[in-house]
Amino acid sequence: MRESNYWLKVIKGINDQEKLLTQLDILVNESEELKKILDSICVKKKRK
């Protein structure tokens, strides 16, 4: 997850097309949400 989030941010940083920036924003947000969900699952698993 972290790698895909990193690369999406890199691509967003070097891209200048407005249409792609909007799509990249959506993908970055989804990637961050998935990272939070998986992190939450890992934390709960470690507590048990």
Protein backbone atom coordinates (compact mmCIF):
# COMPACT_ATOMS: atom_id res chain seq x y z
CA MET A 1 0.00 0.00 0.00
CA ARG A 2 2.66 2.49 0.94
CA GLU A 3 4.50 1.97 -2.33
CA SER A 4 1.42 2.54 -4.46
CA ASN A 5 0.56 5.62 -2.41
CA TYR A 6 4.12 6.91 -2.88
CA TRP A 7 4.12 6.37 -6.65
CA LEU A 8 0.69 7.93 -7.09
CA LYS A 9 1.98 11.04 -5.32
CA VAL A 10 5.11 11.09 -7.48
CA ILE A 11 3.04 10.81 -10.67
CA LYS A 12 0.69 13.51 -9.40
CA GLY A 13 3.66 15.77 -8.71
CA ILE A 14 5.11 15.52 -12.22
CA ASN A 15 1.79 15.54 -14.08
CA ASP A 16 0.29 18.77 -15.40
CA GLN A 17 -2.89 17.55 -17.12
CA GLU A 18 -5.98 18.71 -15.22
CA LYS A 19 -8.06 15.65 -16.13
CA LEU A 20 -5.40 13.27 -14.84
CA LEU A 21 -4.85 15.34 -11.69
CA THR A 22 -8.49 14.83 -10.73
CA GLN A 23 -8.23 11.08 -11.27
CA LEU A 24 -4.94 10.95 -9.38
CA ASP A 25 -6.53 12.79 -6.44
CA ILE A 26 -9.21 10.11 -6.29
CA LEU A 27 -6.65 7.31 -6.45
CA VAL A 28 -4.43 8.89 -3.78
CA ASN A 29 -7.42 9.29 -1.47
CA GLU A 30 -8.50 5.68 -2.02
CA SER A 31 -4.97 4.47 -1.42
CA GLU A 32 -4.76 6.42 1.84
CA GLU A 33 -8.11 5.04 3.01
CA LEU A 34 -7.05 1.48 2.24
CA LYS A 35 -3.79 2.05 4.10
CA LYS A 36 -5.73 3.26 7.16
CA ILE A 37 -8.11 0.29 7.02
CA LEU A 38 -5.30 -2.25 6.74
CA ASP A 39 -3.34 -0.52 9.50
CA SER A 40 -6.39 -0.66 11.76
CA ILE A 41 -6.78 -4.39 11.08
CA CYS A 42 -3.10 -5.00 11.88
CA VAL A 43 -3.31 -3.04 15.14
CA LYS A 44 -6.41 -4.99 16.23
CA LYS A 45 -4.72 -8.29 15.34
CA LYS A 46 -1.60 -7.40 17.38
CA ARG A 47 -3.72 -6.62 20.46
CA LYS A 48 -5.13 -10.14 20.55
